Amino acid sequence: MLGVLSAVRTKLQYSLRLLFRSLIAEGTLPAGYATDDGAGLLYRDTELLEALAERDDAGAYQVEQGPNNTAVETPLQVRRIG
């Protein structure tokens, strides 16, 4: 299963992003990816090939379980398209 959350910048989506991070932090979900509105992830089968964005302010992130039930969000390199 791929853990991916596509998160746009609204109050509801912000809450979903916090929930996603929380579930990864406590180990309920495996590590996964999150994207801002305007960004996407390109896969071949289950392999992440690259992160893409149509705007400069759109990002993509890998979210992993960190120490002491925390989540670590690491920005991915994003290629601007369009």
C-alpha atoms as a PDB file:
ATOM      1  CA  MET A   1       0.000   0.000   0.000  1.00  0.00           C
ATOM      2  CA  LEU A   2       1.291   3.444  -0.864  1.00  0.00           C
ATOM      3  CA  GLY A   3       0.824   6.048   1.838  1.00  0.00           C
ATOM      4  CA  VAL A   4       0.046   9.272   0.024  1.00  0.00           C
ATOM      5  CA  LEU A   5      -1.852  12.335   1.185  1.00  0.00           C
ATOM      6  CA  SER A   6      -2.617  15.072  -1.287  1.00  0.00           C
ATOM      7  CA  ALA A   7      -3.118  18.128   0.882  1.00  0.00           C
ATOM      8  CA  VAL A   8      -4.418  21.443  -0.395  1.00  0.00           C
ATOM      9  CA  ARG A   9      -4.202  24.543   1.745  1.00  0.00           C
ATOM     10  CA  THR A  10      -7.625  24.671   3.325  1.00  0.00           C
ATOM     11  CA  LYS A  11      -8.626  24.274   6.963  1.00  0.00           C
ATOM     12  CA  LEU A  12     -10.008  20.777   6.358  1.00  0.00           C
ATOM     13  CA  GLN A  13      -6.954  19.646   4.398  1.00  0.00           C
ATOM     14  CA  TYR A  14      -4.661  21.127   7.074  1.00  0.00           C
ATOM     15  CA  SER A  15      -6.488  18.949   9.621  1.00  0.00           C
ATOM     16  CA  LEU A  16      -6.042  15.896   7.383  1.00  0.00           C
ATOM     17  CA  ARG A  17      -2.336  16.626   7.053  1.00  0.00           C
ATOM     18  CA  LEU A  18      -1.984  16.800  10.843  1.00  0.00           C
ATOM     19  CA  LEU A  19      -3.908  13.515  11.171  1.00  0.00           C
ATOM     20  CA  PHE A  20      -1.691  11.883   8.512  1.00  0.00           C
ATOM     21  CA  ARG A  21       1.442  12.987  10.384  1.00  0.00           C
ATOM     22  CA  SER A  22      -0.012  11.822  13.705  1.00  0.00           C
ATOM     23  CA  LEU A  23      -0.896   8.353  12.368  1.00  0.00           C
ATOM     24  CA  ILE A  24       2.601   7.929  10.958  1.00  0.00           C
ATOM     25  CA  ALA A  25       4.164   9.181  14.203  1.00  0.00           C
ATOM     26  CA  GLU A  26       2.314   6.600  16.287  1.00  0.00           C
ATOM     27  CA  GLY A  27       3.028   3.802  13.795  1.00  0.00           C
ATOM     28  CA  THR A  28      -0.585   3.263  12.688  1.00  0.00           C
ATOM     29  CA  LEU A  29       0.334   4.157   9.093  1.00  0.00           C
ATOM     30  CA  PRO A  30       3.621   3.395   7.348  1.00  0.00           C
ATOM     31  CA  ALA A  31       5.827   6.214   6.047  1.00  0.00           C
ATOM     32  CA  GLY A  32       4.253   8.061   3.136  1.00  0.00           C
ATOM     33  CA  TYR A  33       4.157  11.211   1.055  1.00  0.00           C
ATOM     34  CA  ALA A  34       2.247  14.477   1.213  1.00  0.00           C
ATOM     35  CA  THR A  35       1.806  17.097  -1.492  1.00  0.00           C
ATOM     36  CA  ASP A  36       0.572  20.662  -1.586  1.00  0.00           C
ATOM     37  CA  ASP A  37      -2.144  21.749  -3.987  1.00  0.00           C
ATOM     38  CA  GLY A  38      -0.494  22.096  -7.396  1.00  0.00           C
ATOM     39  CA  ALA A  39       2.032  19.308  -6.818  1.00  0.00           C
ATOM     40  CA  GLY A  40       1.925  15.638  -7.685  1.00  0.00           C
ATOM     41  CA  LEU A  41       3.979  12.477  -7.526  1.00  0.00           C
ATOM     42  CA  LEU A  42       4.905  10.360 -10.537  1.00  0.00           C
ATOM     43  CA  TYR A  43       5.187   6.616  -9.966  1.00  0.00           C
ATOM     44  CA  ARG A  44       6.195   3.637 -12.066  1.00  0.00           C
ATOM     45  CA  ASP A  45       4.411   0.717 -10.431  1.00  0.00           C
ATOM     46  CA  THR A  46       5.166   1.400  -6.736  1.00  0.00           C
ATOM     47  CA  GLU A  47       8.463   3.277  -7.288  1.00  0.00           C
ATOM     48  CA  LEU A  48       8.395   7.045  -6.834  1.00  0.00           C
ATOM     49  CA  LEU A  49      10.098   8.567  -9.880  1.00  0.00           C
ATOM     50  CA  GLU A  50       9.758  12.277  -9.150  1.00  0.00           C
ATOM     51  CA  ALA A  51       7.731  15.077  -7.633  1.00  0.00           C
ATOM     52  CA  LEU A  52       6.263  17.663 -10.000  1.00  0.00           C
ATOM     53  CA  ALA A  53       4.645  21.062  -9.433  1.00  0.00           C
ATOM     54  CA  GLU A  54       2.832  23.608 -11.524  1.00  0.00           C
ATOM     55  CA  ARG A  55       3.641  26.452  -9.131  1.00  0.00           C
ATOM     56  CA  ASP A  56       6.800  27.542  -7.319  1.00  0.00           C
ATOM     57  CA  ASP A  57       5.093  27.412  -3.906  1.00  0.00           C
ATOM     58  CA  ALA A  58       3.776  23.829  -4.295  1.00  0.00           C
ATOM     59  CA  GLY A  59       5.848  21.201  -2.532  1.00  0.00           C
ATOM     60  CA  ALA A  60       6.030  17.484  -1.889  1.00  0.00           C
ATOM     61  CA  TYR A  61       7.246  15.779   1.263  1.00  0.00           C
ATOM     62  CA  GLN A  62       8.226  12.377   2.573  1.00  0.00           C
ATOM     63  CA  VAL A  63       6.706  11.754   5.993  1.00  0.00           C
ATOM     64  CA  GLU A  64       8.371   9.167   8.229  1.00  0.00           C
ATOM     65  CA  GLN A  65       8.148   8.075  11.833  1.00  0.00           C
ATOM     66  CA  GLY A  66      10.710   9.891  13.946  1.00  0.00           C
ATOM     67  CA  PRO A  67      11.928   9.399  17.501  1.00  0.00           C
ATOM     68  CA  ASN A  68       9.558   9.547  20.477  1.00  0.00           C
ATOM     69  CA  ASN A  69       6.332   9.220  18.447  1.00  0.00           C
ATOM     70  CA  THR A  70       7.025  12.168  16.182  1.00  0.00           C
ATOM     71  CA  ALA A  71       6.689  12.533  12.426  1.00  0.00           C
ATOM     72  CA  VAL A  72       9.552  13.851  10.334  1.00  0.00           C
ATOM     73  CA  GLU A  73       8.557  15.661   7.137  1.00  0.00           C
ATOM     74  CA  THR A  74      11.367  15.919   4.576  1.00  0.00           C
ATOM     75  CA  PRO A  75      10.885  18.150   1.513  1.00  0.00           C
ATOM     76  CA  LEU A  76      11.427  16.372  -1.809  1.00  0.00           C
ATOM     77  CA  GLN A  77      13.127  17.920  -4.800  1.00  0.00           C
ATOM     78  CA  VAL A  78      10.310  19.140  -7.060  1.00  0.00           C
ATOM     79  CA  ARG A  79      10.561  19.719 -10.792  1.00  0.00           C
ATOM     80  CA  ARG A  80       8.514  22.713 -11.985  1.00  0.00           C
ATOM     81  CA  ILE A  81       6.307  22.008 -14.993  1.00  0.00           C
ATOM     82  CA  GLY A  82       4.002  24.246 -16.998  1.00  0.00           C
END
